[in-house]
Amino acid sequence: QVQLVESGGGLVQAGASLRLSCAASGRTFSSYAMGWFRQAPGKEREFVASINWSSIFTYYADSVKGRFTISRDNAKNTVYLQMNSLKPEDTAVYYCAAGRRTGSTMENYNYWGQGTQVTVSS
């Protein structure tokens, strides 16, 4: 069992940066692939970024490539999402997820956090 708690969301202006954190409980965090997803009002949840257990492989949605960076610190049981050059269309609730397989498919992830709100004003 893995419990995930996101933090770091907030209200920022376009062009600003935010860093989201996701703290995981459990001693097996380092064995899980981790992902970030987001859901904007009235839209389906969508993939943002993922990272494998060793940080060797990372994947990004085209909409955030070059602006967002996913990373993890297995010693701290934490995964991060550094978000730069934020745009109003990045406004959403951001969720972290843990699973045995990395990638953009939600079904790869077994555990989900409660989400943190990111709002980007124009």
C-alpha atoms as a PDB file:
ATOM      1  CA  GLN A   1       0.000   0.000   0.000  1.00  0.00           C
ATOM      2  CA  VAL A   2       1.244   3.454  -0.923  1.00  0.00           C
ATOM      3  CA  GLN A   3      -0.270   6.716   0.232  1.00  0.00           C
ATOM      4  CA  LEU A   4       0.486   9.856  -1.736  1.00  0.00           C
ATOM      5  CA  VAL A   5       0.143  13.469  -0.628  1.00  0.00           C
ATOM      6  CA  GLU A   6       0.651  16.324  -3.069  1.00  0.00           C
ATOM      7  CA  SER A   7       1.669  19.848  -2.140  1.00  0.00           C
ATOM      8  CA  GLY A   8       2.981  23.019  -3.733  1.00  0.00           C
ATOM      9  CA  GLY A   9       0.000  24.134  -5.763  1.00  0.00           C
ATOM     10  CA  GLY A  10      -1.233  27.697  -5.784  1.00  0.00           C
ATOM     11  CA  LEU A  11      -2.255  30.756  -7.765  1.00  0.00           C
ATOM     12  CA  VAL A  12       0.392  32.286  -9.996  1.00  0.00           C
ATOM     13  CA  GLN A  13       0.579  34.580 -13.000  1.00  0.00           C
ATOM     14  CA  ALA A  14       1.394  33.393 -16.480  1.00  0.00           C
ATOM     15  CA  GLY A  15       5.123  32.915 -16.944  1.00  0.00           C
ATOM     16  CA  ALA A  16       5.752  32.030 -13.316  1.00  0.00           C
ATOM     17  CA  SER A  17       7.096  28.783 -11.893  1.00  0.00           C
ATOM     18  CA  LEU A  18       5.850  26.310  -9.321  1.00  0.00           C
ATOM     19  CA  ARG A  19       7.261  23.098  -7.923  1.00  0.00           C
ATOM     20  CA  LEU A  20       4.865  20.391  -6.910  1.00  0.00           C
ATOM     21  CA  SER A  21       5.876  17.706  -4.461  1.00  0.00           C
ATOM     22  CA  CYS A  22       4.354  14.321  -3.814  1.00  0.00           C
ATOM     23  CA  ALA A  23       5.320  12.589  -0.606  1.00  0.00           C
ATOM     24  CA  ALA A  24       4.802   8.849  -0.464  1.00  0.00           C
ATOM     25  CA  SER A  25       4.449   6.575   2.508  1.00  0.00           C
ATOM     26  CA  GLY A  26       5.778   3.053   2.566  1.00  0.00           C
ATOM     27  CA  ARG A  27       9.172   1.447   2.271  1.00  0.00           C
ATOM     28  CA  THR A  28       8.775   0.366  -1.352  1.00  0.00           C
ATOM     29  CA  PHE A  29       8.558   3.811  -2.940  1.00  0.00           C
ATOM     30  CA  SER A  30      11.799   3.298  -4.852  1.00  0.00           C
ATOM     31  CA  SER A  31      10.317   0.316  -6.680  1.00  0.00           C
ATOM     32  CA  TYR A  32       7.400   2.284  -8.143  1.00  0.00           C
ATOM     33  CA  ALA A  33       7.140   4.260 -11.313  1.00  0.00           C
ATOM     34  CA  MET A  34       5.641   7.663 -10.605  1.00  0.00           C
ATOM     35  CA  GLY A  35       3.459   9.884 -12.703  1.00  0.00           C
ATOM     36  CA  TRP A  36       1.801  13.277 -12.674  1.00  0.00           C
ATOM     37  CA  PHE A  37      -1.625  13.789 -14.212  1.00  0.00           C
ATOM     38  CA  ARG A  38      -3.936  16.767 -14.268  1.00  0.00           C
ATOM     39  CA  GLN A  39      -7.604  17.471 -14.652  1.00  0.00           C
ATOM     40  CA  ALA A  40      -9.035  20.801 -15.701  1.00  0.00           C
ATOM     41  CA  PRO A  41     -12.683  21.713 -15.034  1.00  0.00           C
ATOM     42  CA  GLY A  42     -14.985  19.931 -17.455  1.00  0.00           C
ATOM     43  CA  LYS A  43     -12.159  17.889 -18.951  1.00  0.00           C
ATOM     44  CA  GLU A  44     -10.861  14.383 -18.544  1.00  0.00           C
ATOM     45  CA  ARG A  45      -7.786  13.629 -16.518  1.00  0.00           C
ATOM     46  CA  GLU A  46      -4.689  13.745 -18.688  1.00  0.00           C
ATOM     47  CA  PHE A  47      -1.093  12.605 -18.495  1.00  0.00           C
ATOM     48  CA  VAL A  48       1.573  15.175 -17.702  1.00  0.00           C
ATOM     49  CA  ALA A  49       4.825  13.365 -16.923  1.00  0.00           C
ATOM     50  CA  SER A  50       6.222  10.111 -15.589  1.00  0.00           C
ATOM     51  CA  ILE A  51       9.488   8.726 -14.301  1.00  0.00           C
ATOM     52  CA  ASN A  52      10.695   5.207 -13.742  1.00  0.00           C
ATOM     53  CA  TRP A  53      12.047   3.914 -10.441  1.00  0.00           C
ATOM     54  CA  SER A  54      15.679   4.734 -11.229  1.00  0.00           C
ATOM     55  CA  SER A  55      15.047   8.123 -12.875  1.00  0.00           C
ATOM     56  CA  ILE A  56      16.651   6.873 -16.084  1.00  0.00           C
ATOM     57  CA  PHE A  57      13.455   7.183 -18.104  1.00  0.00           C
ATOM     58  CA  THR A  58      11.176  10.196 -18.138  1.00  0.00           C
ATOM     59  CA  TYR A  59       8.190  10.930 -20.353  1.00  0.00           C
ATOM     60  CA  TYR A  60       6.248  14.108 -20.964  1.00  0.00           C
ATOM     61  CA  ALA A  61       3.071  15.189 -22.625  1.00  0.00           C
ATOM     62  CA  ASP A  62       3.770  17.312 -25.683  1.00  0.00           C
ATOM     63  CA  SER A  63       1.951  20.223 -24.075  1.00  0.00           C
ATOM     64  CA  VAL A  64       4.481  20.469 -21.234  1.00  0.00           C
ATOM     65  CA  LYS A  65       7.669  19.243 -22.882  1.00  0.00           C
ATOM     66  CA  GLY A  66      10.469  21.736 -22.395  1.00  0.00           C
ATOM     67  CA  ARG A  67       8.630  23.546 -19.583  1.00  0.00           C
ATOM     68  CA  PHE A  68       8.038  20.870 -16.942  1.00  0.00           C
ATOM     69  CA  THR A  69      10.579  18.537 -15.341  1.00  0.00           C
ATOM     70  CA  ILE A  70       9.776  15.458 -13.301  1.00  0.00           C
ATOM     71  CA  SER A  71      12.290  14.148 -10.782  1.00  0.00           C
ATOM     72  CA  ARG A  72      12.374  11.950  -7.720  1.00  0.00           C
ATOM     73  CA  ASP A  73      14.359  11.500  -4.552  1.00  0.00           C
ATOM     74  CA  ASN A  74      14.012   7.909  -3.412  1.00  0.00           C
ATOM     75  CA  ALA A  75      15.780   8.659  -0.128  1.00  0.00           C
ATOM     76  CA  LYS A  76      13.011  11.147   0.683  1.00  0.00           C
ATOM     77  CA  ASN A  77      10.150   9.124  -0.835  1.00  0.00           C
ATOM     78  CA  THR A  78       9.239  12.161  -2.890  1.00  0.00           C
ATOM     79  CA  VAL A  79       8.572  12.943  -6.521  1.00  0.00           C
ATOM     80  CA  TYR A  80       8.621  16.476  -7.879  1.00  0.00           C
ATOM     81  CA  LEU A  81       7.195  18.355 -10.805  1.00  0.00           C
ATOM     82  CA  GLN A  82       9.024  21.570 -11.629  1.00  0.00           C
ATOM     83  CA  MET A  83       6.759  23.726 -13.744  1.00  0.00           C
ATOM     84  CA  ASN A  84       8.219  26.724 -15.549  1.00  0.00           C
ATOM     85  CA  SER A  85       6.724  29.224 -17.975  1.00  0.00           C
ATOM     86  CA  LEU A  86       3.255  28.422 -16.746  1.00  0.00           C
ATOM     87  CA  LYS A  87       0.309  29.194 -18.990  1.00  0.00           C
ATOM     88  CA  PRO A  88      -3.386  29.695 -18.172  1.00  0.00           C
ATOM     89  CA  GLU A  89      -4.102  26.390 -19.914  1.00  0.00           C
ATOM     90  CA  ASP A  90      -1.993  24.638 -17.259  1.00  0.00           C
ATOM     91  CA  THR A  91      -4.719  25.426 -14.730  1.00  0.00           C
ATOM     92  CA  ALA A  92      -5.929  22.140 -13.262  1.00  0.00           C
ATOM     93  CA  VAL A  93      -5.873  19.862 -10.285  1.00  0.00           C
ATOM     94  CA  TYR A  94      -2.595  17.982 -10.393  1.00  0.00           C
ATOM     95  CA  TYR A  95      -2.434  14.386  -9.159  1.00  0.00           C
ATOM     96  CA  CYS A  96       0.540  12.168  -8.535  1.00  0.00           C
ATOM     97  CA  ALA A  97       0.278   8.444  -9.010  1.00  0.00           C
ATOM     98  CA  ALA A  98       2.356   5.345  -8.315  1.00  0.00           C
ATOM     99  CA  GLY A  99       2.427   2.125 -10.264  1.00  0.00           C
ATOM    100  CA  ARG A 100       4.553  -0.758 -11.443  1.00  0.00           C
ATOM    101  CA  ARG A 101       4.810   0.558 -14.988  1.00  0.00           C
ATOM    102  CA  THR A 102       5.684   4.015 -16.173  1.00  0.00           C
ATOM    103  CA  GLY A 103       4.089   5.763 -19.119  1.00  0.00           C
ATOM    104  CA  SER A 104       1.058   7.846 -19.976  1.00  0.00           C
ATOM    105  CA  THR A 105      -1.683   5.301 -19.376  1.00  0.00           C
ATOM    106  CA  MET A 106      -3.720   5.824 -16.229  1.00  0.00           C
ATOM    107  CA  GLU A 107      -4.252   2.084 -15.892  1.00  0.00           C
ATOM    108  CA  ASN A 108      -0.508   1.698 -15.213  1.00  0.00           C
ATOM    109  CA  TYR A 109      -0.956   3.381 -11.846  1.00  0.00           C
ATOM    110  CA  ASN A 110      -2.497   1.769  -8.805  1.00  0.00           C
ATOM    111  CA  TYR A 111      -2.256   4.533  -6.224  1.00  0.00           C
ATOM    112  CA  TRP A 112      -3.349   8.147  -6.481  1.00  0.00           C
ATOM    113  CA  GLY A 113      -3.081  11.233  -4.346  1.00  0.00           C
ATOM    114  CA  GLN A 114      -5.899  13.660  -3.603  1.00  0.00           C
ATOM    115  CA  GLY A 115      -4.554  16.355  -5.873  1.00  0.00           C
ATOM    116  CA  THR A 116      -3.333  19.930  -5.544  1.00  0.00           C
ATOM    117  CA  GLN A 117      -4.837  22.921  -7.351  1.00  0.00           C
ATOM    118  CA  VAL A 118      -2.729  24.951  -9.742  1.00  0.00           C
ATOM    119  CA  THR A 119      -4.264  28.126 -11.102  1.00  0.00           C
ATOM    120  CA  VAL A 120      -2.468  30.286 -13.646  1.00  0.00           C
ATOM    121  CA  SER A 121      -3.890  33.721 -14.310  1.00  0.00           C
ATOM    122  CA  SER A 122      -3.320  35.627 -17.535  1.00  0.00           C
END
